[in-house]
PDB file of N, CA and C in Angstrom:
ATOM      1  N   MET A   1     102.794 106.104  91.741  1.00  0.00           N
ATOM      2  CA  MET A   1     101.773 105.811  92.705  1.00  0.00           C
ATOM      3  C   MET A   1     102.380 104.905  93.774  1.00  0.00           C
ATOM      4  N   GLU A   2     101.994 105.132  95.011  1.00  0.00           N
ATOM      5  CA  GLU A   2     102.482 104.309  96.118  1.00  0.00           C
ATOM      6  C   GLU A   2     101.509 103.165  96.391  1.00  0.00           C
ATOM      7  N   ILE A   3     102.080 101.981  96.568  1.00  0.00           N
ATOM      8  CA  ILE A   3     101.294 100.790  96.884  1.00  0.00           C
ATOM      9  C   ILE A   3     101.843 100.192  98.168  1.00  0.00           C
ATOM     10  N   LYS A   4     100.948  99.853  99.095  1.00  0.00           N
ATOM     11  CA  LYS A   4     101.334  99.163 100.326  1.00  0.00           C
ATOM     12  C   LYS A   4     100.811  97.737 100.233  1.00  0.00           C
ATOM     13  N   ILE A   5     101.713  96.783 100.444  1.00  0.00           N
ATOM     14  CA  ILE A   5     101.354  95.374 100.360  1.00  0.00           C
ATOM     15  C   ILE A   5     101.559  94.754 101.731  1.00  0.00           C
ATOM     16  N   ALA A   6     100.485  94.227 102.299  1.00  0.00           N
ATOM     17  CA  ALA A   6     100.574  93.529 103.577  1.00  0.00           C
ATOM     18  C   ALA A   6     100.728  92.039 103.294  1.00  0.00           C
ATOM     19  N   VAL A   7     101.712  91.438 103.941  1.00  0.00           N
ATOM     20  CA  VAL A   7     101.979  90.013 103.786  1.00  0.00           C
ATOM     21  C   VAL A   7     101.666  89.344 105.117  1.00  0.00           C
ATOM     22  N   LYS A   8     100.931  88.240 105.072  1.00  0.00           N
ATOM     23  CA  LYS A   8     100.560  87.515 106.288  1.00  0.00           C
ATOM     24  C   LYS A   8     101.809  87.111 107.074  1.00  0.00           C
ATOM     25  N   SER A   9     101.731  87.234 108.374  1.00  0.00           N
ATOM     26  CA  SER A   9     102.809  86.862 109.307  1.00  0.00           C
ATOM     27  C   SER A   9     104.055  87.733 109.178  1.00  0.00           C
ATOM     28  N   VAL A  10     103.929  88.898 108.546  1.00  0.00           N
ATOM     29  CA  VAL A  10     105.034  89.866 108.458  1.00  0.00           C
ATOM     30  C   VAL A  10     104.527  91.153 109.100  1.00  0.00           C
ATOM     31  N   HIS A  11     105.304  91.715 110.008  1.00  0.00           N
ATOM     32  CA  HIS A  11     104.843  92.872 110.783  1.00  0.00           C
ATOM     33  C   HIS A  11     104.846  94.182 110.013  1.00  0.00           C
ATOM     34  N   HIS A  12     105.649  94.297 108.966  1.00  0.00           N
ATOM     35  CA  HIS A  12     105.746  95.548 108.220  1.00  0.00           C
ATOM     36  C   HIS A  12     105.179  95.378 106.818  1.00  0.00           C
ATOM     37  N   GLU A  13     104.554  96.437 106.329  1.00  0.00           N
ATOM     38  CA  GLU A  13     104.059  96.440 104.960  1.00  0.00           C
ATOM     39  C   GLU A  13     105.221  96.652 103.991  1.00  0.00           C
ATOM     40  N   LEU A  14     105.056  96.136 102.790  1.00  0.00           N
ATOM     41  CA  LEU A  14     105.992  96.456 101.716  1.00  0.00           C
ATOM     42  C   LEU A  14     105.453  97.720 101.056  1.00  0.00           C
ATOM     43  N   ILE A  15     106.279  98.737 100.936  1.00  0.00           N
ATOM     44  CA  ILE A  15     105.854  99.980 100.301  1.00  0.00           C
ATOM     45  C   ILE A  15     106.598 100.087  98.977  1.00  0.00           C
ATOM     46  N   VAL A  16     105.810 100.160  97.902  1.00  0.00           N
ATOM     47  CA  VAL A  16     106.366 100.145  96.556  1.00  0.00           C
ATOM     48  C   VAL A  16     105.900 101.387  95.812  1.00  0.00           C
ATOM     49  N   GLU A  17     106.818 102.082  95.185  1.00  0.00           N
ATOM     50  CA  GLU A  17     106.500 103.222  94.325  1.00  0.00           C
ATOM     51  C   GLU A  17     106.567 102.715  92.888  1.00  0.00           C
ATOM     52  N   THR A  18     105.468 102.834  92.153  1.00  0.00           N
ATOM     53  CA  THR A  18     105.413 102.302  90.795  1.00  0.00           C
ATOM     54  C   THR A  18     104.830 103.317  89.825  1.00  0.00           C
ATOM     55  N   ASP A  19     105.144 103.115  88.555  1.00  0.00           N
ATOM     56  CA  ASP A  19     104.588 103.959  87.496  1.00  0.00           C
ATOM     57  C   ASP A  19     103.291 103.378  86.939  1.00  0.00           C
ATOM     58  N   MET A  20     102.879 102.227  87.457  1.00  0.00           N
ATOM     59  CA  MET A  20     101.652 101.591  86.984  1.00  0.00           C
ATOM     60  C   MET A  20     100.433 102.381  87.458  1.00  0.00           C
ATOM     61  N   THR A  21      99.356 102.280  86.697  1.00  0.00           N
ATOM     62  CA  THR A  21      98.100 102.909  87.102  1.00  0.00           C
ATOM     63  C   THR A  21      97.356 101.968  88.052  1.00  0.00           C
ATOM     64  N   MET A  22      96.331 102.491  88.714  1.00  0.00           N
ATOM     65  CA  MET A  22      95.518 101.649  89.595  1.00  0.00           C
ATOM     66  C   MET A  22      94.904 100.493  88.816  1.00  0.00           C
ATOM     67  N   GLU A  23      94.436 100.776  87.618  1.00  0.00           N
ATOM     68  CA  GLU A  23      93.823  99.735  86.791  1.00  0.00           C
ATOM     69  C   GLU A  23      94.826  98.637  86.460  1.00  0.00           C
ATOM     70  N   GLN A  24      96.064  98.996  86.152  1.00  0.00           N
ATOM     71  CA  GLN A  24      97.090  98.004  85.841  1.00  0.00           C
ATOM     72  C   GLN A  24      97.408  97.136  87.057  1.00  0.00           C
ATOM     73  N   VAL A  25      97.469  97.753  88.227  1.00  0.00           N
ATOM     74  CA  VAL A  25      97.734  97.001  89.452  1.00  0.00           C
ATOM     75  C   VAL A  25      96.568  96.055  89.742  1.00  0.00           C
ATOM     76  N   GLU A  26      95.346  96.546  89.603  1.00  0.00           N
ATOM     77  CA  GLU A  26      94.174  95.698  89.833  1.00  0.00           C
ATOM     78  C   GLU A  26      94.146  94.533  88.851  1.00  0.00           C
ATOM     79  N   ASP A  27      94.481  94.780  87.600  1.00  0.00           N
ATOM     80  CA  ASP A  27      94.516  93.702  86.601  1.00  0.00           C
ATOM     81  C   ASP A  27      95.571  92.660  86.967  1.00  0.00           C
ATOM     82  N   ALA A  28      96.745  93.118  87.391  1.00  0.00           N
ATOM     83  CA  ALA A  28      97.804  92.184  87.790  1.00  0.00           C
ATOM     84  C   ALA A  28      97.358  91.346  88.981  1.00  0.00           C
ATOM     85  N   LEU A  29      96.651  91.967  89.927  1.00  0.00           N
ATOM     86  CA  LEU A  29      96.152  91.241  91.094  1.00  0.00           C
ATOM     87  C   LEU A  29      95.083  90.225  90.695  1.00  0.00           C
ATOM     88  N   ARG A  30      94.137  90.645  89.837  1.00  0.00           N
ATOM     89  CA  ARG A  30      93.090  89.724  89.375  1.00  0.00           C
ATOM     90  C   ARG A  30      93.702  88.519  88.663  1.00  0.00           C
ATOM     91  N   ASN A  31      94.678  88.764  87.799  1.00  0.00           N
ATOM     92  CA  ASN A  31      95.336  87.674  87.071  1.00  0.00           C
ATOM     93  C   ASN A  31      96.044  86.723  88.029  1.00  0.00           C
ATOM     94  N   ALA A  32      96.685  87.277  89.055  1.00  0.00           N
ATOM     95  CA  ALA A  32      97.392  86.443  90.029  1.00  0.00           C
ATOM     96  C   ALA A  32      96.411  85.600  90.836  1.00  0.00           C
ATOM     97  N   LEU A  33      95.270  86.176  91.196  1.00  0.00           N
ATOM     98  CA  LEU A  33      94.274  85.456  91.984  1.00  0.00           C
ATOM     99  C   LEU A  33      93.570  84.369  91.166  1.00  0.00           C
ATOM    100  N   ALA A  34      93.550  84.522  89.852  1.00  0.00           N
ATOM    101  CA  ALA A  34      92.863  83.563  88.989  1.00  0.00           C
ATOM    102  C   ALA A  34      93.646  82.266  88.808  1.00  0.00           C
ATOM    103  N   VAL A  35      94.934  82.279  89.150  1.00  0.00           N
ATOM    104  CA  VAL A  35      95.789  81.114  88.950  1.00  0.00           C
ATOM    105  C   VAL A  35      96.006  80.410  90.285  1.00  0.00           C
ATOM    106  N   GLU A  36      95.837  79.098  90.286  1.00  0.00           N
ATOM    107  CA  GLU A  36      96.117  78.351  91.507  1.00  0.00           C
ATOM    108  C   GLU A  36      97.589  78.500  91.837  1.00  0.00           C
ATOM    109  N   ARG A  37      97.886  78.823  93.076  1.00  0.00           N
ATOM    110  CA  ARG A  37      99.260  79.084  93.532  1.00  0.00           C
ATOM    111  C   ARG A  37      99.897  80.241  92.760  1.00  0.00           C
ATOM    112  N   GLY A  38      99.088  81.228  92.434  1.00  0.00           N
ATOM    113  CA  GLY A  38      99.574  82.388  91.689  1.00  0.00           C
ATOM    114  C   GLY A  38     100.462  83.287  92.531  1.00  0.00           C
ATOM    115  N   VAL A  39     101.148  84.193  91.847  1.00  0.00           N
ATOM    116  CA  VAL A  39     101.975  85.186  92.521  1.00  0.00           C
ATOM    117  C   VAL A  39     101.597  86.571  92.013  1.00  0.00           C
ATOM    118  N   PHE A  40     101.592  87.532  92.922  1.00  0.00           N
ATOM    119  CA  PHE A  40     101.378  88.930  92.566  1.00  0.00           C
ATOM    120  C   PHE A  40     102.755  89.537  92.360  1.00  0.00           C
ATOM    121  N   ALA A  41     103.003  90.038  91.164  1.00  0.00           N
ATOM    122  CA  ALA A  41     104.316  90.601  90.836  1.00  0.00           C
ATOM    123  C   ALA A  41     104.139  92.025  90.339  1.00  0.00           C
ATOM    124  N   ILE A  42     105.017  92.901  90.796  1.00  0.00           N
ATOM    125  CA  ILE A  42     104.970  94.312  90.410  1.00  0.00           C
ATOM    126  C   ILE A  42     106.403  94.832  90.316  1.00  0.00           C
ATOM    127  N   THR A  43     106.624  95.786  89.429  1.00  0.00           N
ATOM    128  CA  THR A  43     107.947  96.387  89.266  1.00  0.00           C
ATOM    129  C   THR A  43     107.896  97.814  89.791  1.00  0.00           C
ATOM    130  N   ASP A  44     108.880  98.188  90.622  1.00  0.00           N
ATOM    131  CA  ASP A  44     108.894  99.544  91.171  1.00  0.00           C
ATOM    132  C   ASP A  44     109.571 100.498  90.191  1.00  0.00           C
ATOM    133  N   THR A  45     109.602 101.775  90.557  1.00  0.00           N
ATOM    134  CA  THR A  45     110.159 102.796  89.672  1.00  0.00           C
ATOM    135  C   THR A  45     111.661 102.626  89.461  1.00  0.00           C
ATOM    136  N   GLY A  46     112.336 101.902  90.337  1.00  0.00           N
ATOM    137  CA  GLY A  46     113.771 101.659  90.201  1.00  0.00           C
ATOM    138  C   GLY A  46     114.092 100.409  89.396  1.00  0.00           C
ATOM    139  N   GLY A  47     113.045  99.704  88.921  1.00  0.00           N
ATOM    140  CA  GLY A  47     113.248  98.516  88.124  1.00  0.00           C
ATOM    141  C   GLY A  47     113.313  97.225  88.917  1.00  0.00           C
ATOM    142  N   ARG A  48     113.140  97.310  90.245  1.00  0.00           N
ATOM    143  CA  ARG A  48     113.143  96.089  91.065  1.00  0.00           C
ATOM    144  C   ARG A  48     111.795  95.393  90.938  1.00  0.00           C
ATOM    145  N   ARG A  49     111.825  94.077  90.964  1.00  0.00           N
ATOM    146  CA  ARG A  49     110.613  93.265  90.842  1.00  0.00           C
ATOM    147  C   ARG A  49     110.264  92.703  92.216  1.00  0.00           C
ATOM    148  N   ILE A  50     109.036  92.916  92.650  1.00  0.00           N
ATOM    149  CA  ILE A  50     108.547  92.410  93.925  1.00  0.00           C
ATOM    150  C   ILE A  50     107.534  91.309  93.597  1.00  0.00           C
ATOM    151  N   VAL A  51     107.732  90.133  94.165  1.00  0.00           N
ATOM    152  CA  VAL A  51     106.869  88.989  93.897  1.00  0.00           C
ATOM    153  C   VAL A  51     106.390  88.427  95.232  1.00  0.00           C
ATOM    154  N   VAL A  52     105.064  88.304  95.380  1.00  0.00           N
ATOM    155  CA  VAL A  52     104.470  87.793  96.611  1.00  0.00           C
ATOM    156  C   VAL A  52     103.449  86.706  96.235  1.00  0.00           C
ATOM    157  N   PRO A  53     103.551  85.520  96.830  1.00  0.00           N
ATOM    158  CA  PRO A  53     102.529  84.498  96.578  1.00  0.00           C
ATOM    159  C   PRO A  53     101.160  85.006  97.040  1.00  0.00           C
ATOM    160  N   VAL A  54     100.128  84.825  96.223  1.00  0.00           N
ATOM    161  CA  VAL A  54      98.811  85.356  96.584  1.00  0.00           C
ATOM    162  C   VAL A  54      98.270  84.727  97.869  1.00  0.00           C
ATOM    163  N   ALA A  55      98.690  83.520  98.179  1.00  0.00           N
ATOM    164  CA  ALA A  55      98.246  82.882  99.423  1.00  0.00           C
ATOM    165  C   ALA A  55      98.775  83.630 100.645  1.00  0.00           C
ATOM    166  N   SER A  56      99.819  84.430 100.479  1.00  0.00           N
ATOM    167  CA  SER A  56     100.416  85.174 101.595  1.00  0.00           C
ATOM    168  C   SER A  56      99.951  86.621 101.662  1.00  0.00           C
ATOM    169  N   LEU A  57      99.156  87.064 100.703  1.00  0.00           N
ATOM    170  CA  LEU A  57      98.702  88.459 100.695  1.00  0.00           C
ATOM    171  C   LEU A  57      97.681  88.709 101.793  1.00  0.00           C
ATOM    172  N   GLY A  58      97.890  89.807 102.520  1.00  0.00           N
ATOM    173  CA  GLY A  58      96.901  90.261 103.485  1.00  0.00           C
ATOM    174  C   GLY A  58      95.970  91.254 102.812  1.00  0.00           C
ATOM    175  N   TYR A  59      96.547  92.331 102.280  1.00  0.00           N
ATOM    176  CA  TYR A  59      95.794  93.332 101.528  1.00  0.00           C
ATOM    177  C   TYR A  59      96.761  94.161 100.705  1.00  0.00           C
ATOM    178  N   ILE A  60      96.216  94.909  99.762  1.00  0.00           N
ATOM    179  CA  ILE A  60      96.994  95.847  98.957  1.00  0.00           C
ATOM    180  C   ILE A  60      96.276  97.180  99.020  1.00  0.00           C
ATOM    181  N   GLU A  61      97.005  98.207  99.412  1.00  0.00           N
ATOM    182  CA  GLU A  61      96.447  99.555  99.504  1.00  0.00           C
ATOM    183  C   GLU A  61      97.117 100.412  98.443  1.00  0.00           C
ATOM    184  N   MET A  62      96.299 101.083  97.630  1.00  0.00           N
ATOM    185  CA  MET A  62      96.840 101.939  96.579  1.00  0.00           C
ATOM    186  C   MET A  62      96.520 103.386  96.885  1.00  0.00           C
ATOM    187  N   GLY A  63      97.545 104.245  96.775  1.00  0.00           N
ATOM    188  CA  GLY A  63      97.343 105.670  96.966  1.00  0.00           C
ATOM    189  C   GLY A  63      96.820 106.287  95.698  1.00  0.00           C
ATOM    190  N   LYS A  64      96.273 107.478  95.816  1.00  0.00           N
ATOM    191  CA  LYS A  64      95.763 108.125  94.611  1.00  0.00           C
ATOM    192  C   LYS A  64      96.928 108.533  93.718  1.00  0.00           C
ATOM    193  N   GLU A  65      96.653 108.547  92.443  1.00  0.00           N
ATOM    194  CA  GLU A  65      97.678 108.893  91.473  1.00  0.00           C
ATOM    195  C   GLU A  65      97.834 110.408  91.440  1.00  0.00           C
ATOM    196  N   GLU A  66      99.051 110.873  91.623  1.00  0.00           N
ATOM    197  CA  GLU A  66      99.332 112.302  91.603  1.00  0.00           C
ATOM    198  C   GLU A  66     100.533 112.546  90.711  1.00  0.00           C
ATOM    199  N   PRO A  67     100.498 113.626  89.936  1.00  0.00           N
ATOM    200  CA  PRO A  67     101.697 113.941  89.143  1.00  0.00           C
ATOM    201  C   PRO A  67     102.834 114.335  90.074  1.00  0.00           C
ATOM    202  N   ARG A  68     104.034 113.903  89.753  1.00  0.00           N
ATOM    203  CA  ARG A  68     105.185 114.232  90.590  1.00  0.00           C
ATOM    204  C   ARG A  68     105.744 115.591  90.240  1.00  0.00           C
ATOM    205  N   MET A  69     106.151 116.307  91.251  1.00  0.00           N
ATOM    206  CA  MET A  69     106.794 117.607  91.062  1.00  0.00           C
ATOM    207  C   MET A  69     108.306 117.374  90.983  1.00  0.00           C
ATOM    208  N   ALA A  70     108.934 118.065  90.084  1.00  0.00           N
ATOM    209  CA  ALA A  70     110.374 117.911  89.930  1.00  0.00           C
ATOM    210  C   ALA A  70     111.086 119.192  90.373  1.00  0.00           C
ATOM    211  N   GLY A  71     112.307 119.033  90.832  1.00  0.00           N
ATOM    212  CA  GLY A  71     113.129 120.187  91.209  1.00  0.00           C
ATOM    213  C   GLY A  71     112.615 120.877  92.463  1.00  0.00           C
ATOM    214  N   PHE A  72     112.829 122.175  92.528  1.00  0.00           N
ATOM    215  CA  PHE A  72     112.455 122.951  93.704  1.00  0.00           C
ATOM    216  C   PHE A  72     110.955 123.191  93.790  1.00  0.00           C
ATOM    217  N   ALA A  73     110.223 122.958  92.717  1.00  0.00           N
ATOM    218  CA  ALA A  73     108.781 123.178  92.736  1.00  0.00           C
ATOM    219  C   ALA A  73     108.093 122.256  93.737  1.00  0.00           C
ATOM    220  N   GLY A  74     108.645 121.051  93.932  1.00  0.00           N
ATOM    221  CA  GLY A  74     108.063 120.110  94.873  1.00  0.00           C
ATOM    222  C   GLY A  74     108.287 120.504  96.322  1.00  0.00           C
ATOM    223  N   MET A  75     109.144 121.465  96.596  1.00  0.00           N
ATOM    224  CA  MET A  75     109.473 121.866  97.969  1.00  0.00           C
ATOM    225  C   MET A  75     108.618 123.029  98.442  1.00  0.00           C
ATOM    226  N   LEU A  76     107.816 123.617  97.561  1.00  0.00           N
ATOM    227  CA  LEU A  76     107.025 124.790  97.930  1.00  0.00           C
ATOM    228  C   LEU A  76     105.783 124.411  98.671  1.00  0.00           C
TER     229      LEU A  76
END
């Protein structure tokens, strides 16, 4: 699933591809917002960890979950 993260005072969104479900992302965001000076952390499909202080979050946009096509089937 693709997630776009807007960070305050940054002109470009962070675009992250993750294997997490929408519910998992929402839970991670809720947990981060519940902690004073919390951070929103997510791991992308390549294993990289993205960490953003919740005070700097503008918004998070989640795309719909779609099964990925592999091989030449995705090119049709």
